[in-house]
Amino acid sequence: MNREKVASMQYKSVKIRPIARRIEATGVELPQIDDRWQIEESSREKLKLVNARTAHFVVLGADHIREYLTDYDGGSDGFLVLKSQIILKATSLHVEPLIPVDVAERYLSLR
């Protein structure tokens, strides 16, 4: 994504895609909630996302962002489409890269 665009996104309210996974401390996956995330800080290199409902926050490098799409009728400023999956587990937050299917298939075929 254009790094100048990332730098100008401070204070936007966004929905993230893929929607963050929610996992209990016991390991049980919970139903998805399409939260709004506030971009509290942004620069050409990174941005800080904050989930006001859960108080989770994460700093992501600009390279985690695939694209930004507007959301005129959905109650947010837009969709932040990521190259990674945000995972909320109890009070902690983890980020895992999304591996394209063709890359995963090639990896598995080498085994």
C-alpha atoms as a PDB file:
ATOM      1  CA  MET A   1       0.000   0.000   0.000  1.00  0.00           C
ATOM      2  CA  ASN A   2       1.082   3.569  -0.638  1.00  0.00           C
ATOM      3  CA  ARG A   3       3.073   4.694   2.410  1.00  0.00           C
ATOM      4  CA  GLU A   4       1.902   8.307   2.042  1.00  0.00           C
ATOM      5  CA  LYS A   5      -1.679   7.070   2.362  1.00  0.00           C
ATOM      6  CA  VAL A   6      -0.749   5.107   5.516  1.00  0.00           C
ATOM      7  CA  ALA A   7       0.808   8.257   7.017  1.00  0.00           C
ATOM      8  CA  SER A   8      -2.457  10.176   6.478  1.00  0.00           C
ATOM      9  CA  MET A   9      -4.730   7.638   8.188  1.00  0.00           C
ATOM     10  CA  GLN A  10      -4.401   8.828  11.794  1.00  0.00           C
ATOM     11  CA  TYR A  11      -7.747   8.982  13.673  1.00  0.00           C
ATOM     12  CA  LYS A  12      -9.634   6.941  11.089  1.00  0.00           C
ATOM     13  CA  SER A  13     -12.109   4.379  12.406  1.00  0.00           C
ATOM     14  CA  VAL A  14     -11.703   1.175  10.379  1.00  0.00           C
ATOM     15  CA  LYS A  15     -12.937  -2.382  10.161  1.00  0.00           C
ATOM     16  CA  ILE A  16     -10.124  -4.852   9.605  1.00  0.00           C
ATOM     17  CA  ARG A  17     -10.134  -7.730   7.165  1.00  0.00           C
ATOM     18  CA  PRO A  18      -9.731 -10.522   7.880  1.00  0.00           C
ATOM     19  CA  ILE A  19     -11.800  -9.945  11.045  1.00  0.00           C
ATOM     20  CA  ALA A  20      -9.713 -10.565  14.174  1.00  0.00           C
ATOM     21  CA  ARG A  21      -9.987 -14.077  15.598  1.00  0.00           C
ATOM     22  CA  ARG A  22     -11.027 -14.292  19.247  1.00  0.00           C
ATOM     23  CA  ILE A  23      -9.749 -17.138  21.417  1.00  0.00           C
ATOM     24  CA  GLU A  24     -10.441 -17.757  25.106  1.00  0.00           C
ATOM     25  CA  ALA A  25      -7.540 -18.396  27.461  1.00  0.00           C
ATOM     26  CA  THR A  26      -8.623 -22.066  27.389  1.00  0.00           C
ATOM     27  CA  GLY A  27      -8.051 -22.206  23.628  1.00  0.00           C
ATOM     28  CA  VAL A  28     -11.723 -22.236  22.595  1.00  0.00           C
ATOM     29  CA  GLU A  29     -12.388 -20.051  19.562  1.00  0.00           C
ATOM     30  CA  LEU A  30     -15.178 -17.509  20.025  1.00  0.00           C
ATOM     31  CA  PRO A  31     -17.561 -16.128  17.383  1.00  0.00           C
ATOM     32  CA  GLN A  32     -16.253 -13.217  15.338  1.00  0.00           C
ATOM     33  CA  ILE A  33     -17.154  -9.630  16.200  1.00  0.00           C
ATOM     34  CA  ASP A  34     -16.702  -7.023  13.474  1.00  0.00           C
ATOM     35  CA  ASP A  35     -15.129  -4.385  15.721  1.00  0.00           C
ATOM     36  CA  ARG A  36     -14.147  -0.893  14.705  1.00  0.00           C
ATOM     37  CA  TRP A  37     -10.450  -0.197  15.260  1.00  0.00           C
ATOM     38  CA  GLN A  38      -9.134   3.337  15.756  1.00  0.00           C
ATOM     39  CA  ILE A  39      -5.886   4.296  14.056  1.00  0.00           C
ATOM     40  CA  GLU A  40      -4.267   6.233  16.909  1.00  0.00           C
ATOM     41  CA  GLU A  41      -0.893   6.827  15.286  1.00  0.00           C
ATOM     42  CA  SER A  42       0.308   6.574  11.713  1.00  0.00           C
ATOM     43  CA  SER A  43       3.476   7.229   9.750  1.00  0.00           C
ATOM     44  CA  ARG A  44       5.026   6.048   6.500  1.00  0.00           C
ATOM     45  CA  GLU A  45       6.488   3.032   8.348  1.00  0.00           C
ATOM     46  CA  LYS A  46       3.771   1.904  10.788  1.00  0.00           C
ATOM     47  CA  LEU A  47       0.418   2.487  12.416  1.00  0.00           C
ATOM     48  CA  LYS A  48      -1.104   1.800  15.819  1.00  0.00           C
ATOM     49  CA  LEU A  49      -4.545   0.173  15.875  1.00  0.00           C
ATOM     50  CA  VAL A  50      -6.666   0.275  19.040  1.00  0.00           C
ATOM     51  CA  ASN A  51      -9.818  -1.732  19.723  1.00  0.00           C
ATOM     52  CA  ALA A  52     -11.859   0.403  22.140  1.00  0.00           C
ATOM     53  CA  ARG A  53     -14.236  -2.461  23.001  1.00  0.00           C
ATOM     54  CA  THR A  54     -11.475  -4.827  24.170  1.00  0.00           C
ATOM     55  CA  ALA A  55      -8.613  -2.376  24.922  1.00  0.00           C
ATOM     56  CA  HIS A  56      -6.287  -4.448  22.705  1.00  0.00           C
ATOM     57  CA  PHE A  57      -3.783  -2.532  20.602  1.00  0.00           C
ATOM     58  CA  VAL A  58      -1.154  -3.415  18.039  1.00  0.00           C
ATOM     59  CA  VAL A  59       1.537  -1.599  16.078  1.00  0.00           C
ATOM     60  CA  LEU A  60       1.761  -2.906  12.516  1.00  0.00           C
ATOM     61  CA  GLY A  61       4.340  -2.107   9.889  1.00  0.00           C
ATOM     62  CA  ALA A  62       2.989  -0.550   6.698  1.00  0.00           C
ATOM     63  CA  ASP A  63       3.960  -3.778   4.919  1.00  0.00           C
ATOM     64  CA  HIS A  64       1.098  -5.573   6.758  1.00  0.00           C
ATOM     65  CA  ILE A  65      -1.469  -3.500   4.841  1.00  0.00           C
ATOM     66  CA  ARG A  66      -2.734  -4.873   1.540  1.00  0.00           C
ATOM     67  CA  GLU A  67      -5.174  -2.039   0.795  1.00  0.00           C
ATOM     68  CA  TYR A  68      -7.681   0.442   2.178  1.00  0.00           C
ATOM     69  CA  LEU A  69     -11.281   0.522   0.951  1.00  0.00           C
ATOM     70  CA  THR A  70     -13.958   3.089   1.802  1.00  0.00           C
ATOM     71  CA  ASP A  71     -17.060   2.085   3.789  1.00  0.00           C
ATOM     72  CA  TYR A  72     -19.606   4.810   3.047  1.00  0.00           C
ATOM     73  CA  ASP A  73     -22.633   3.045   4.523  1.00  0.00           C
ATOM     74  CA  GLY A  74     -21.105   0.764   7.149  1.00  0.00           C
ATOM     75  CA  GLY A  75     -20.445   3.062  10.094  1.00  0.00           C
ATOM     76  CA  SER A  76     -16.664   3.291   9.720  1.00  0.00           C
ATOM     77  CA  ASP A  77     -14.274   5.307   7.598  1.00  0.00           C
ATOM     78  CA  GLY A  78     -13.223   2.193   5.702  1.00  0.00           C
ATOM     79  CA  PHE A  79     -11.826  -1.319   5.577  1.00  0.00           C
ATOM     80  CA  LEU A  80      -8.166  -1.962   6.305  1.00  0.00           C
ATOM     81  CA  VAL A  81      -7.329  -5.141   4.396  1.00  0.00           C
ATOM     82  CA  LEU A  82      -4.325  -6.837   5.976  1.00  0.00           C
ATOM     83  CA  LYS A  83      -1.730  -9.371   4.848  1.00  0.00           C
ATOM     84  CA  SER A  84      -1.817 -10.776   8.378  1.00  0.00           C
ATOM     85  CA  GLN A  85      -4.315 -12.184  10.876  1.00  0.00           C
ATOM     86  CA  ILE A  86      -4.852 -10.475  14.224  1.00  0.00           C
ATOM     87  CA  ILE A  87      -5.595 -12.943  17.020  1.00  0.00           C
ATOM     88  CA  LEU A  88      -7.066 -11.783  20.332  1.00  0.00           C
ATOM     89  CA  LYS A  89      -6.372 -14.365  23.032  1.00  0.00           C
ATOM     90  CA  ALA A  90      -7.675 -13.323  26.439  1.00  0.00           C
ATOM     91  CA  THR A  91      -5.774 -10.105  27.225  1.00  0.00           C
ATOM     92  CA  SER A  92      -2.980 -10.678  24.706  1.00  0.00           C
ATOM     93  CA  LEU A  93      -2.775 -10.006  20.980  1.00  0.00           C
ATOM     94  CA  HIS A  94      -0.818 -11.936  18.335  1.00  0.00           C
ATOM     95  CA  VAL A  95      -0.217 -11.270  14.651  1.00  0.00           C
ATOM     96  CA  GLU A  96       0.381 -14.063  12.135  1.00  0.00           C
ATOM     97  CA  PRO A  97       1.125 -13.645   8.416  1.00  0.00           C
ATOM     98  CA  LEU A  98      -1.464 -14.933   5.976  1.00  0.00           C
ATOM     99  CA  ILE A  99       0.154 -17.352   3.567  1.00  0.00           C
ATOM    100  CA  PRO A 100      -1.337 -17.418   0.050  1.00  0.00           C
ATOM    101  CA  VAL A 101      -2.786 -20.800  -0.912  1.00  0.00           C
ATOM    102  CA  ASP A 102      -0.347 -21.318  -3.793  1.00  0.00           C
ATOM    103  CA  VAL A 103       2.639 -20.728  -1.486  1.00  0.00           C
ATOM    104  CA  ALA A 104       1.234 -23.107   1.135  1.00  0.00           C
ATOM    105  CA  GLU A 105       0.611 -25.794  -1.501  1.00  0.00           C
ATOM    106  CA  ARG A 106       4.174 -25.492  -2.809  1.00  0.00           C
ATOM    107  CA  TYR A 107       5.547 -25.732   0.724  1.00  0.00           C
ATOM    108  CA  LEU A 108       3.455 -28.808   1.515  1.00  0.00           C
ATOM    109  CA  SER A 109       4.399 -30.518  -1.759  1.00  0.00           C
ATOM    110  CA  LEU A 110       8.115 -30.249  -0.843  1.00  0.00           C
ATOM    111  CA  ARG A 111       7.669 -32.383   2.260  1.00  0.00           C
END
